[in-house]
Amino acid sequence: MEVKEFFSKHTLGCLAGGFAIGLLVCGIGAGMMSFSGSPAFCGSCHAMKSEAATFAKSTHQKQDCVECHLPHDNMAIYMIEKGRTGMVDTYHAVLRDYPAHIKLSADGKKTVNSNCLRCHENTMANVHAAIGVDLDTGADCMKCHSRIAHGSNHLEGGIKVE
């Protein structure tokens, strides 16, 4: 039986099978996307042990790492940045050249700051400073709150803010 003849006789079955395979692939992909942004996944790398330990004790512990560390402007930018940062992290993990104390890049600080403002927009309504207006902090959340999610060491666990 030729391929064309097979598909002619089993059109509905082939469509149903293709749909099922598509759903399975999408489900597995979505699960992998979700897990790869979780503290369990990010903390599995030796270089991130301290960050994972302090984050587990912080007030933000129920959030995924990607909530703060990836841009949420739109899905395309999110996916591109997730791929880029994942490749960079994998590169450094393979070479084992992460520094003893990981520092956030300038772009990373901008991303984290914009995510602080995104999540805490209601809180900012009660703050005397207008978002985007440079004051003594230059509208930089991390200037005063840099240790909220990670603290300064694995024993501290971040600043508790209730």
N, C-alpha and C. Protein backbone atom coordinates (compact mmCIF):
# COMPACT_ATOMS: atom_id res chain seq x y z
N MET A 1 0.85 -1.17 0.00
CA MET A 1 0.00 0.00 0.00
C MET A 1 0.90 1.24 0.00
N GLU A 2 0.62 2.14 -0.89
CA GLU A 2 1.40 3.37 -1.00
C GLU A 2 0.95 4.37 0.08
N VAL A 3 1.80 5.35 0.30
CA VAL A 3 1.51 6.36 1.31
C VAL A 3 0.25 7.13 0.97
N LYS A 4 0.12 7.53 -0.26
CA LYS A 4 -1.06 8.30 -0.68
C LYS A 4 -2.33 7.48 -0.48
N GLU A 5 -2.28 6.22 -0.83
CA GLU A 5 -3.44 5.35 -0.68
C GLU A 5 -3.76 5.13 0.81
N PHE A 6 -2.71 4.96 1.62
CA PHE A 6 -2.91 4.78 3.07
C PHE A 6 -3.62 5.99 3.66
N PHE A 7 -3.14 7.21 3.34
CA PHE A 7 -3.76 8.42 3.87
C PHE A 7 -5.18 8.60 3.35
N SER A 8 -5.45 8.19 2.14
CA SER A 8 -6.81 8.28 1.59
C SER A 8 -7.77 7.39 2.37
N LYS A 9 -7.34 6.19 2.70
CA LYS A 9 -8.19 5.25 3.43
C LYS A 9 -8.33 5.60 4.91
N HIS A 10 -7.31 6.23 5.48
CA HIS A 10 -7.28 6.48 6.93
C HIS A 10 -7.15 7.97 7.25
N THR A 11 -7.83 8.80 6.50
CA THR A 11 -7.72 10.25 6.67
C THR A 11 -8.09 10.69 8.08
N LEU A 12 -9.22 10.26 8.57
CA LEU A 12 -9.67 10.67 9.90
C LEU A 12 -8.71 10.18 10.98
N GLY A 13 -8.25 8.97 10.87
CA GLY A 13 -7.29 8.42 11.84
C GLY A 13 -5.98 9.19 11.83
N CYS A 14 -5.51 9.54 10.63
CA CYS A 14 -4.26 10.30 10.51
C CYS A 14 -4.41 11.69 11.11
N LEU A 15 -5.54 12.34 10.85
CA LEU A 15 -5.79 13.66 11.44
C LEU A 15 -5.87 13.59 12.96
N ALA A 16 -6.58 12.59 13.47
CA ALA A 16 -6.70 12.42 14.92
C ALA A 16 -5.34 12.13 15.55
N GLY A 17 -4.57 11.27 14.89
CA GLY A 17 -3.23 10.95 15.39
C GLY A 17 -2.31 12.16 15.37
N GLY A 18 -2.37 12.93 14.30
CA GLY A 18 -1.57 14.15 14.22
C GLY A 18 -1.96 15.16 15.27
N PHE A 19 -3.27 15.28 15.52
CA PHE A 19 -3.76 16.19 16.55
C PHE A 19 -3.27 15.74 17.93
N ALA A 20 -3.35 14.44 18.20
CA ALA A 20 -2.90 13.90 19.49
C ALA A 20 -1.41 14.12 19.69
N ILE A 21 -0.63 13.88 18.65
CA ILE A 21 0.82 14.09 18.73
C ILE A 21 1.11 15.57 18.96
N GLY A 22 0.38 16.45 18.27
CA GLY A 22 0.56 17.89 18.46
C GLY A 22 0.25 18.32 19.88
N LEU A 23 -0.84 17.80 20.44
CA LEU A 23 -1.18 18.10 21.84
C LEU A 23 -0.11 17.61 22.80
N LEU A 24 0.38 16.42 22.56
CA LEU A 24 1.43 15.84 23.41
C LEU A 24 2.70 16.68 23.36
N VAL A 25 3.11 17.08 22.16
CA VAL A 25 4.31 17.90 22.00
C VAL A 25 4.13 19.26 22.69
N CYS A 26 2.97 19.88 22.51
CA CYS A 26 2.70 21.17 23.16
C CYS A 26 2.67 21.02 24.68
N GLY A 27 2.07 19.96 25.17
CA GLY A 27 2.01 19.73 26.62
C GLY A 27 3.38 19.51 27.22
N ILE A 28 4.18 18.69 26.56
CA ILE A 28 5.54 18.44 27.05
C ILE A 28 6.37 19.73 26.99
N GLY A 29 6.22 20.49 25.91
CA GLY A 29 6.94 21.75 25.77
C GLY A 29 6.55 22.75 26.85
N ALA A 30 5.26 22.85 27.12
CA ALA A 30 4.79 23.78 28.16
C ALA A 30 5.29 23.34 29.53
N GLY A 31 5.28 22.04 29.78
CA GLY A 31 5.80 21.53 31.06
C GLY A 31 7.28 21.81 31.22
N MET A 32 8.03 21.62 30.14
CA MET A 32 9.47 21.90 30.19
C MET A 32 9.73 23.40 30.39
N MET A 33 8.94 24.25 29.73
CA MET A 33 9.09 25.70 29.90
C MET A 33 8.82 26.10 31.35
N SER A 34 7.78 25.53 31.92
CA SER A 34 7.43 25.85 33.30
C SER A 34 8.51 25.36 34.26
N PHE A 35 8.94 24.12 34.12
CA PHE A 35 9.93 23.57 35.03
C PHE A 35 11.27 24.28 34.90
N SER A 36 11.66 24.66 33.69
CA SER A 36 12.97 25.28 33.49
C SER A 36 13.05 26.70 34.05
N GLY A 37 11.95 27.24 34.53
CA GLY A 37 11.98 28.55 35.18
C GLY A 37 11.76 28.46 36.67
N SER A 38 11.68 27.24 37.19
CA SER A 38 11.38 27.04 38.61
C SER A 38 12.64 27.10 39.47
N PRO A 39 12.49 27.42 40.74
CA PRO A 39 13.65 27.41 41.65
C PRO A 39 14.30 26.02 41.75
N ALA A 40 13.52 24.95 41.63
CA ALA A 40 14.09 23.60 41.69
C ALA A 40 15.06 23.37 40.53
N PHE A 41 14.68 23.83 39.34
CA PHE A 41 15.55 23.66 38.17
C PHE A 41 16.76 24.58 38.28
N CYS A 42 16.52 25.86 38.54
CA CYS A 42 17.62 26.83 38.59
C CYS A 42 18.59 26.49 39.72
N GLY A 43 18.09 26.02 40.84
CA GLY A 43 18.94 25.68 41.98
C GLY A 43 19.68 24.38 41.83
N SER A 44 19.38 23.60 40.79
CA SER A 44 20.06 22.32 40.60
C SER A 44 21.50 22.50 40.13
N CYS A 45 21.82 23.67 39.62
CA CYS A 45 23.18 23.96 39.17
C CYS A 45 24.04 24.32 40.38
N HIS A 46 25.25 23.79 40.45
CA HIS A 46 26.14 24.03 41.58
C HIS A 46 26.37 25.52 41.82
N ALA A 47 26.49 26.29 40.76
CA ALA A 47 26.78 27.72 40.89
C ALA A 47 25.62 28.49 41.51
N MET A 48 24.42 27.94 41.47
CA MET A 48 23.23 28.64 41.98
C MET A 48 22.79 28.15 43.35
N LYS A 49 23.58 27.32 44.01
CA LYS A 49 23.18 26.75 45.31
C LYS A 49 22.90 27.84 46.34
N SER A 50 23.76 28.82 46.44
CA SER A 50 23.57 29.90 47.42
C SER A 50 22.34 30.72 47.09
N GLU A 51 22.15 31.05 45.82
CA GLU A 51 20.98 31.83 45.41
C GLU A 51 19.70 31.06 45.69
N ALA A 52 19.71 29.76 45.42
CA ALA A 52 18.53 28.93 45.65
C ALA A 52 18.22 28.82 47.14
N ALA A 53 19.26 28.68 47.96
CA ALA A 53 19.06 28.54 49.41
C ALA A 53 18.49 29.81 50.03
N THR A 54 19.01 30.96 49.62
CA THR A 54 18.50 32.21 50.18
C THR A 54 17.10 32.52 49.65
N PHE A 55 16.87 32.19 48.38
CA PHE A 55 15.56 32.42 47.79
C PHE A 55 14.50 31.57 48.49
N ALA A 56 14.84 30.35 48.87
CA ALA A 56 13.89 29.43 49.52
C ALA A 56 13.41 29.97 50.86
N LYS A 57 14.16 30.89 51.46
CA LYS A 57 13.78 31.47 52.75
C LYS A 57 13.17 32.86 52.62
N SER A 58 13.09 33.37 51.40
CA SER A 58 12.64 34.75 51.19
C SER A 58 11.12 34.86 51.11
N THR A 59 10.64 36.08 51.12
CA THR A 59 9.21 36.33 51.00
C THR A 59 8.71 36.08 49.58
N HIS A 60 9.60 35.94 48.63
CA HIS A 60 9.23 35.69 47.24
C HIS A 60 9.34 34.21 46.86
N GLN A 61 9.52 33.34 47.82
CA GLN A 61 9.82 31.93 47.56
C GLN A 61 8.77 31.19 46.74
N LYS A 62 7.55 31.70 46.67
CA LYS A 62 6.50 31.03 45.89
C LYS A 62 6.52 31.44 44.42
N GLN A 63 7.37 32.37 44.07
CA GLN A 63 7.49 32.81 42.68
C GLN A 63 8.50 31.95 41.94
N ASP A 64 8.37 31.89 40.63
CA ASP A 64 9.39 31.23 39.81
C ASP A 64 10.50 32.24 39.52
N CYS A 65 11.69 31.75 39.29
CA CYS A 65 12.84 32.61 39.02
C CYS A 65 12.59 33.54 37.84
N VAL A 66 11.89 33.02 36.82
CA VAL A 66 11.65 33.80 35.61
C VAL A 66 10.72 34.98 35.84
N GLU A 67 9.97 34.99 36.92
CA GLU A 67 9.11 36.14 37.22
C GLU A 67 9.92 37.40 37.43
N CYS A 68 11.11 37.26 37.99
CA CYS A 68 11.98 38.42 38.21
C CYS A 68 13.06 38.55 37.15
N HIS A 69 13.60 37.43 36.69
CA HIS A 69 14.81 37.47 35.88
C HIS A 69 14.61 37.47 34.37
N LEU A 70 13.37 37.41 33.90
CA LEU A 70 13.13 37.50 32.46
C LEU A 70 12.14 38.61 32.16
N PRO A 71 12.28 39.27 31.01
CA PRO A 71 11.34 40.34 30.66
C PRO A 71 9.96 39.77 30.32
N HIS A 72 8.94 40.52 30.65
CA HIS A 72 7.57 40.09 30.39
C HIS A 72 6.84 41.06 29.45
N ASP A 73 7.61 41.73 28.57
CA ASP A 73 7.03 42.68 27.62
C ASP A 73 6.07 41.98 26.66
N ASN A 74 6.55 40.91 26.04
CA ASN A 74 5.71 40.08 25.18
C ASN A 74 6.34 38.70 25.08
N MET A 75 5.60 37.75 24.56
CA MET A 75 6.05 36.36 24.54
C MET A 75 7.29 36.16 23.68
N ALA A 76 7.41 36.87 22.57
CA ALA A 76 8.58 36.71 21.70
C ALA A 76 9.85 37.13 22.42
N ILE A 77 9.83 38.29 23.06
CA ILE A 77 11.00 38.77 23.80
C ILE A 77 11.31 37.83 24.96
N TYR A 78 10.27 37.36 25.65
CA TYR A 78 10.44 36.43 26.76
C TYR A 78 11.15 35.17 26.28
N MET A 79 10.68 34.58 25.19
CA MET A 79 11.25 33.32 24.69
C MET A 79 12.69 33.52 24.20
N ILE A 80 12.96 34.62 23.51
CA ILE A 80 14.31 34.90 23.04
C ILE A 80 15.26 35.05 24.22
N GLU A 81 14.85 35.81 25.22
CA GLU A 81 15.70 36.03 26.39
C GLU A 81 15.86 34.76 27.21
N LYS A 82 14.81 33.96 27.32
CA LYS A 82 14.90 32.68 28.04
C LYS A 82 15.92 31.77 27.35
N GLY A 83 15.88 31.71 26.04
CA GLY A 83 16.85 30.92 25.30
C GLY A 83 18.26 31.45 25.44
N ARG A 84 18.42 32.76 25.34
CA ARG A 84 19.75 33.37 25.45
C ARG A 84 20.35 33.14 26.83
N THR A 85 19.59 33.43 27.87
CA THR A 85 20.13 33.27 29.23
C THR A 85 20.37 31.80 29.55
N GLY A 86 19.51 30.93 29.04
CA GLY A 86 19.72 29.50 29.25
C GLY A 86 21.01 29.02 28.60
N MET A 87 21.29 29.52 27.40
CA MET A 87 22.53 29.15 26.71
C MET A 87 23.75 29.68 27.46
N VAL A 88 23.66 30.92 27.95
CA VAL A 88 24.77 31.50 28.70
C VAL A 88 25.01 30.70 29.98
N ASP A 89 23.93 30.39 30.71
CA ASP A 89 24.06 29.61 31.94
C ASP A 89 24.65 28.23 31.66
N THR A 90 24.20 27.58 30.61
CA THR A 90 24.72 26.26 30.24
C THR A 90 26.20 26.34 29.88
N TYR A 91 26.56 27.36 29.13
CA TYR A 91 27.96 27.57 28.74
C TYR A 91 28.85 27.67 29.97
N HIS A 92 28.45 28.51 30.93
CA HIS A 92 29.25 28.70 32.15
C HIS A 92 29.23 27.45 33.04
N ALA A 93 28.12 26.73 33.06
CA ALA A 93 28.04 25.51 33.86
C ALA A 93 28.97 24.44 33.29
N VAL A 94 29.02 24.32 31.97
CA VAL A 94 29.90 23.33 31.34
C VAL A 94 31.36 23.69 31.57
N LEU A 95 31.70 24.97 31.43
CA LEU A 95 33.09 25.40 31.63
C LEU A 95 33.45 25.52 33.12
N ARG A 96 32.45 25.49 33.98
CA ARG A 96 32.64 25.65 35.44
C ARG A 96 33.41 26.92 35.76
N ASP A 97 33.01 28.02 35.12
CA ASP A 97 33.71 29.28 35.35
C ASP A 97 32.83 30.36 35.96
N TYR A 98 31.74 29.95 36.62
CA TYR A 98 30.93 30.93 37.34
C TYR A 98 31.76 31.49 38.50
N PRO A 99 31.63 32.79 38.77
CA PRO A 99 32.35 33.34 39.93
C PRO A 99 31.74 32.81 41.23
N ALA A 100 32.49 32.92 42.33
CA ALA A 100 32.01 32.43 43.63
C ALA A 100 30.73 33.16 44.03
N HIS A 101 30.65 34.45 43.73
CA HIS A 101 29.45 35.23 44.03
C HIS A 101 28.91 35.81 42.73
N ILE A 102 27.78 35.32 42.29
CA ILE A 102 27.20 35.75 41.01
C ILE A 102 26.63 37.15 41.14
N LYS A 103 26.96 38.01 40.19
CA LYS A 103 26.44 39.38 40.17
C LYS A 103 25.49 39.54 39.00
N LEU A 104 24.46 40.33 39.20
CA LEU A 104 23.48 40.61 38.16
C LEU A 104 24.05 41.64 37.19
N SER A 105 23.90 41.41 35.90
CA SER A 105 24.40 42.35 34.89
C SER A 105 23.55 43.62 34.89
N ALA A 106 24.01 44.64 34.20
CA ALA A 106 23.25 45.89 34.10
C ALA A 106 21.90 45.65 33.43
N ASP A 107 21.88 44.85 32.36
CA ASP A 107 20.61 44.51 31.71
C ASP A 107 19.72 43.70 32.64
N GLY A 108 20.33 42.79 33.39
CA GLY A 108 19.59 41.99 34.36
C GLY A 108 18.94 42.85 35.43
N LYS A 109 19.66 43.87 35.88
CA LYS A 109 19.12 44.79 36.89
C LYS A 109 17.92 45.55 36.35
N LYS A 110 18.00 45.97 35.08
CA LYS A 110 16.87 46.67 34.46
C LYS A 110 15.65 45.76 34.39
N THR A 111 15.88 44.51 34.01
CA THR A 111 14.79 43.54 33.91
C THR A 111 14.16 43.30 35.27
N VAL A 112 14.99 43.05 36.28
CA VAL A 112 14.47 42.80 37.63
C VAL A 112 13.71 44.03 38.13
N ASN A 113 14.26 45.22 37.93
CA ASN A 113 13.60 46.44 38.39
C ASN A 113 12.24 46.62 37.71
N SER A 114 12.17 46.39 36.41
CA SER A 114 10.88 46.55 35.73
C SER A 114 9.88 45.50 36.19
N ASN A 115 10.35 44.31 36.56
CA ASN A 115 9.46 43.28 37.09
C ASN A 115 9.00 43.60 38.51
N CYS A 116 9.86 44.26 39.29
CA CYS A 116 9.42 44.73 40.62
C CYS A 116 8.24 45.68 40.44
N LEU A 117 8.41 46.63 39.54
CA LEU A 117 7.35 47.62 39.29
C LEU A 117 6.10 46.97 38.71
N ARG A 118 6.28 45.95 37.88
CA ARG A 118 5.14 45.25 37.28
C ARG A 118 4.32 44.54 38.36
N CYS A 119 4.99 43.85 39.26
CA CYS A 119 4.26 43.09 40.29
C CYS A 119 3.76 43.97 41.43
N HIS A 120 4.49 45.01 41.75
CA HIS A 120 4.16 45.84 42.91
C HIS A 120 3.58 47.19 42.51
N GLU A 121 2.87 47.20 41.39
CA GLU A 121 2.26 48.45 40.90
C GLU A 121 1.30 49.04 41.92
N ASN A 122 0.51 48.21 42.57
CA ASN A 122 -0.44 48.71 43.58
C ASN A 122 0.28 49.30 44.78
N THR A 123 1.38 48.67 45.19
CA THR A 123 2.17 49.18 46.30
C THR A 123 2.76 50.54 45.95
N MET A 124 3.21 50.67 44.72
CA MET A 124 3.84 51.91 44.30
C MET A 124 2.85 53.08 44.29
N ALA A 125 1.56 52.78 44.21
CA ALA A 125 0.55 53.84 44.26
C ALA A 125 0.56 54.52 45.63
N ASN A 126 1.01 53.82 46.66
CA ASN A 126 1.06 54.36 48.01
C ASN A 126 2.40 54.99 48.37
N VAL A 127 3.34 54.96 47.45
CA VAL A 127 4.67 55.51 47.70
C VAL A 127 4.69 56.94 47.19
N HIS A 128 5.36 57.78 47.92
CA HIS A 128 5.39 59.21 47.54
C HIS A 128 6.13 59.46 46.24
N ALA A 129 6.94 58.51 45.79
CA ALA A 129 7.70 58.70 44.56
C ALA A 129 6.87 58.27 43.36
N ALA A 130 6.95 59.01 42.30
CA ALA A 130 6.26 58.65 41.06
C ALA A 130 7.15 57.71 40.26
N ILE A 131 6.58 56.66 39.72
CA ILE A 131 7.35 55.71 38.93
C ILE A 131 7.92 56.42 37.71
N GLY A 132 9.21 56.24 37.50
CA GLY A 132 9.86 56.83 36.35
C GLY A 132 10.43 58.21 36.60
N VAL A 133 10.14 58.79 37.76
CA VAL A 133 10.69 60.10 38.11
C VAL A 133 11.92 59.88 38.96
N ASP A 134 13.04 60.37 38.50
CA ASP A 134 14.28 60.17 39.26
C ASP A 134 14.26 60.98 40.55
N LEU A 135 14.38 60.25 41.65
CA LEU A 135 14.54 60.88 42.96
C LEU A 135 15.91 60.46 43.48
N ASP A 136 16.04 60.34 44.77
CA ASP A 136 17.34 59.94 45.32
C ASP A 136 17.72 58.52 44.87
N THR A 137 16.77 57.67 44.56
CA THR A 137 17.07 56.31 44.11
C THR A 137 17.12 56.22 42.60
N GLY A 138 16.73 57.24 41.89
CA GLY A 138 16.68 57.16 40.44
C GLY A 138 15.64 56.18 39.98
N ALA A 139 14.58 56.00 40.75
CA ALA A 139 13.49 55.06 40.46
C ALA A 139 14.02 53.64 40.31
N ASP A 140 15.05 53.32 41.10
CA ASP A 140 15.68 52.01 41.06
C ASP A 140 15.32 51.24 42.33
N CYS A 141 14.41 50.28 42.20
CA CYS A 141 13.96 49.48 43.35
C CYS A 141 15.12 48.77 44.03
N MET A 142 16.05 48.28 43.21
CA MET A 142 17.13 47.46 43.75
C MET A 142 18.17 48.27 44.52
N LYS A 143 18.11 49.57 44.41
CA LYS A 143 19.07 50.38 45.15
C LYS A 143 18.86 50.21 46.66
N CYS A 144 17.61 50.07 47.06
CA CYS A 144 17.29 49.88 48.48
C CYS A 144 16.86 48.45 48.82
N HIS A 145 16.30 47.74 47.83
CA HIS A 145 15.69 46.44 48.10
C HIS A 145 16.42 45.28 47.43
N SER A 146 17.70 45.39 47.22
CA SER A 146 18.44 44.37 46.46
C SER A 146 18.52 43.02 47.17
N ARG A 147 18.32 43.00 48.48
CA ARG A 147 18.47 41.75 49.22
C ARG A 147 17.13 41.12 49.60
N ILE A 148 16.05 41.61 49.02
CA ILE A 148 14.72 41.08 49.34
C ILE A 148 14.60 39.60 48.99
N ALA A 149 14.96 39.22 47.80
CA ALA A 149 14.73 37.85 47.34
C ALA A 149 15.87 36.88 47.65
N HIS A 150 17.09 37.38 47.85
CA HIS A 150 18.20 36.45 48.03
C HIS A 150 19.02 36.69 49.29
N GLY A 151 18.91 37.83 49.96
CA GLY A 151 19.76 38.07 51.13
C GLY A 151 21.21 38.19 50.73
N SER A 152 22.08 38.25 51.71
CA SER A 152 23.50 38.39 51.39
C SER A 152 24.25 37.07 51.52
N ASN A 153 23.67 36.09 52.19
CA ASN A 153 24.29 34.77 52.25
C ASN A 153 23.22 33.71 52.50
N HIS A 154 23.61 32.46 52.47
CA HIS A 154 22.63 31.38 52.59
C HIS A 154 21.97 31.30 53.96
N LEU A 155 22.55 31.93 54.98
CA LEU A 155 21.95 31.90 56.31
C LEU A 155 20.92 33.01 56.49
N GLU A 156 21.10 34.11 55.77
CA GLU A 156 20.23 35.27 55.95
C GLU A 156 18.87 35.10 55.33
N GLY A 157 18.82 34.64 54.08
CA GLY A 157 17.53 34.36 53.43
C GLY A 157 16.74 35.57 53.02
N GLY A 158 17.37 36.69 52.85
CA GLY A 158 16.65 37.87 52.38
C GLY A 158 15.97 38.62 53.52
N ILE A 159 15.53 39.80 53.20
CA ILE A 159 14.85 40.66 54.16
C ILE A 159 13.37 40.31 54.18
N LYS A 160 12.82 40.10 55.35
CA LYS A 160 11.41 39.77 55.46
C LYS A 160 10.60 41.07 55.39
N VAL A 161 9.72 41.18 54.42
CA VAL A 161 8.87 42.34 54.26
C VAL A 161 7.44 41.85 54.27
N GLU A 162 6.69 42.23 55.23
CA GLU A 162 5.29 41.77 55.35
C GLU A 162 4.36 42.93 55.10
